[in-house]
C-alpha atoms as a PDB file:
ATOM      1  CA  MET A   1       8.418  -6.505   8.666  1.00  0.00           C
ATOM      2  CA  VAL A   2       5.996  -7.991   6.142  1.00  0.00           C
ATOM      3  CA  LEU A   3       7.450 -10.321   3.541  1.00  0.00           C
ATOM      4  CA  PHE A   4       6.093 -10.649   0.026  1.00  0.00           C
ATOM      5  CA  ASN A   5       4.994 -13.934  -1.502  1.00  0.00           C
ATOM      6  CA  ASP A   6       6.060 -14.742  -5.085  1.00  0.00           C
ATOM      7  CA  SER A   7       3.204 -12.924  -6.838  1.00  0.00           C
ATOM      8  CA  GLU A   8       3.607  -9.881  -4.592  1.00  0.00           C
ATOM      9  CA  MET A   9       7.365  -9.849  -5.182  1.00  0.00           C
ATOM     10  CA  GLY A  10       6.731  -9.835  -8.924  1.00  0.00           C
ATOM     11  CA  ILE A  11       4.449  -6.821  -8.574  1.00  0.00           C
ATOM     12  CA  TYR A  12       6.986  -5.100  -6.316  1.00  0.00           C
ATOM     13  CA  GLU A  13       9.752  -5.609  -8.888  1.00  0.00           C
ATOM     14  CA  TRP A  14       7.432  -4.363 -11.640  1.00  0.00           C
ATOM     15  CA  ALA A  15       6.545  -1.263  -9.573  1.00  0.00           C
ATOM     16  CA  LYS A  16      10.236  -0.460  -8.954  1.00  0.00           C
ATOM     17  CA  GLN A  17      11.027  -0.743 -12.650  1.00  0.00           C
ATOM     18  CA  ASN A  18       7.936   1.226 -13.671  1.00  0.00           C
ATOM     19  CA  ALA A  19       8.826   4.019 -11.247  1.00  0.00           C
ATOM     20  CA  GLU A  20      12.385   4.263 -12.567  1.00  0.00           C
ATOM     21  CA  GLU A  21      11.276   4.232 -16.211  1.00  0.00           C
ATOM     22  CA  ASN A  22       8.808   7.062 -15.575  1.00  0.00           C
ATOM     23  CA  GLY A  23      10.953   9.329 -13.413  1.00  0.00           C
ATOM     24  CA  TYR A  24       9.298   8.419 -10.118  1.00  0.00           C
ATOM     25  CA  LYS A  25      10.406   6.501  -7.063  1.00  0.00           C
ATOM     26  CA  LEU A  26       8.680   4.122  -4.694  1.00  0.00           C
ATOM     27  CA  ASN A  27       7.678   5.357  -1.287  1.00  0.00           C
ATOM     28  CA  GLN A  28      10.409   4.822   1.297  1.00  0.00           C
ATOM     29  CA  ASP A  29       7.824   3.849   3.916  1.00  0.00           C
ATOM     30  CA  TYR A  30       7.819   0.053   3.716  1.00  0.00           C
ATOM     31  CA  ASP A  31       4.361  -0.247   5.303  1.00  0.00           C
ATOM     32  CA  ILE A  32       2.777   1.957   2.616  1.00  0.00           C
ATOM     33  CA  VAL A  33       4.510  -0.029  -0.138  1.00  0.00           C
ATOM     34  CA  ALA A  34       3.476  -3.345   1.431  1.00  0.00           C
ATOM     35  CA  ILE A  35      -0.184  -2.291   1.686  1.00  0.00           C
ATOM     36  CA  ALA A  36      -0.225  -1.094  -1.935  1.00  0.00           C
ATOM     37  CA  ILE A  37       1.553  -4.177  -3.310  1.00  0.00           C
ATOM     38  CA  LYS A  38      -0.631  -6.596  -1.365  1.00  0.00           C
ATOM     39  CA  GLY A  39      -3.732  -4.730  -2.564  1.00  0.00           C
ATOM     40  CA  LEU A  40      -2.571  -4.938  -6.191  1.00  0.00           C
ATOM     41  CA  ALA A  41      -1.860  -8.660  -5.797  1.00  0.00           C
ATOM     42  CA  ASN A  42      -5.255  -9.287  -4.191  1.00  0.00           C
ATOM     43  CA  ASN A  43      -7.037  -7.418  -6.987  1.00  0.00           C
ATOM     44  CA  LYS A  44      -5.048  -9.322  -9.622  1.00  0.00           C
ATOM     45  CA  LYS A  45      -6.113 -12.607  -8.009  1.00  0.00           C
ATOM     46  CA  LYS A  46      -9.749 -11.554  -7.481  1.00  0.00           C
ATOM     47  CA  TYR A  47     -10.420  -9.643 -10.725  1.00  0.00           C
ATOM     48  CA  GLY A  48      -7.647 -10.788 -13.061  1.00  0.00           C
ATOM     49  CA  GLU A  49      -6.259  -7.257 -13.354  1.00  0.00           C
ATOM     50  CA  GLN A  50      -3.809  -5.255 -11.276  1.00  0.00           C
ATOM     51  CA  TYR A  51      -6.380  -2.661 -10.200  1.00  0.00           C
ATOM     52  CA  CYS A  52      -5.188   0.088  -7.869  1.00  0.00           C
ATOM     53  CA  SER A  53      -6.187  -0.881  -4.357  1.00  0.00           C
ATOM     54  CA  CYS A  54      -6.962   2.756  -3.508  1.00  0.00           C
ATOM     55  CA  ARG A  55      -9.699   2.952  -6.139  1.00  0.00           C
ATOM     56  CA  GLU A  56     -13.033   1.131  -6.230  1.00  0.00           C
ATOM     57  CA  VAL A  57     -13.564  -1.529  -8.885  1.00  0.00           C
ATOM     58  CA  SER A  58     -16.977  -0.966 -10.483  1.00  0.00           C
ATOM     59  CA  GLY A  59     -17.230  -4.212 -12.446  1.00  0.00           C
ATOM     60  CA  ASN A  60     -17.474  -2.249 -15.713  1.00  0.00           C
ATOM     61  CA  LYS A  61     -14.370  -3.435 -17.625  1.00  0.00           C
ATOM     62  CA  GLU A  62     -14.258  -0.356 -19.865  1.00  0.00           C
ATOM     63  CA  GLN A  63     -14.491   2.045 -16.929  1.00  0.00           C
ATOM     64  CA  ASP A  64     -12.166   0.011 -14.706  1.00  0.00           C
ATOM     65  CA  ARG A  65      -9.352   0.056 -17.308  1.00  0.00           C
ATOM     66  CA  LYS A  66      -8.597   3.540 -15.970  1.00  0.00           C
ATOM     67  CA  ILE A  67      -7.622   2.120 -12.579  1.00  0.00           C
ATOM     68  CA  ILE A  68      -5.232  -0.617 -13.686  1.00  0.00           C
ATOM     69  CA  CYS A  69      -1.963   0.280 -11.997  1.00  0.00           C
ATOM     70  CA  PRO A  70      -0.425   2.586 -12.896  1.00  0.00           C
ATOM     71  CA  CYS A  71      -3.800   4.251 -13.195  1.00  0.00           C
ATOM     72  CA  VAL A  72      -4.565   7.167 -15.485  1.00  0.00           C
ATOM     73  CA  TYR A  73      -4.704   9.428 -12.422  1.00  0.00           C
ATOM     74  CA  ARG A  74      -1.117   8.796 -11.283  1.00  0.00           C
ATOM     75  CA  GLY A  75       0.580  11.582 -13.234  1.00  0.00           C
ATOM     76  CA  LYS A  76      -1.893  14.277 -12.192  1.00  0.00           C
ATOM     77  CA  ASP A  77      -1.903  13.074  -8.556  1.00  0.00           C
ATOM     78  CA  ILE A  78       1.897  13.161  -8.421  1.00  0.00           C
ATOM     79  CA  GLU A  79       1.969  16.564 -10.092  1.00  0.00           C
ATOM     80  CA  LEU A  80      -0.525  18.003  -7.584  1.00  0.00           C
ATOM     81  CA  ARG A  81       0.398  16.158  -4.380  1.00  0.00           C
ATOM     82  CA  GLY A  82       3.836  14.657  -4.982  1.00  0.00           C
ATOM     83  CA  ALA A  83       2.401  11.130  -4.733  1.00  0.00           C
ATOM     84  CA  CYS A  84      -0.263   8.971  -6.319  1.00  0.00           C
ATOM     85  CA  LYS A  85      -3.433   8.369  -4.275  1.00  0.00           C
ATOM     86  CA  CYS A  86      -2.135   5.231  -2.538  1.00  0.00           C
ATOM     87  CA  ALA A  87       1.336   6.839  -2.161  1.00  0.00           C
ATOM     88  CA  LEU A  88       3.144   3.923  -3.803  1.00  0.00           C
ATOM     89  CA  PHE A  89       4.716   6.214  -6.413  1.00  0.00           C
ATOM     90  CA  LEU A  90       6.360   9.519  -5.484  1.00  0.00           C
ATOM     91  CA  LYS A  91       7.817  12.449  -7.386  1.00  0.00           C
END
């Protein structure tokens, strides 16, 4: 089992709260959650923003705002597939 460091734990807690507030839940597969959270934390450290790790950062701040987690695609992805692209958030 992978453990979260402090910054990752903060993102995990944020993701849980965000899911609850928006009528979603986090994936029950710990490995999927760990990959997504670690990716968000890495992007936050590297780019200064919590960019979705399943989407490519272009370097264009205006364009990349769309992929700050939760990205603008989350609702449509969950509506169509039952999960966002990285499967962190579920219906």
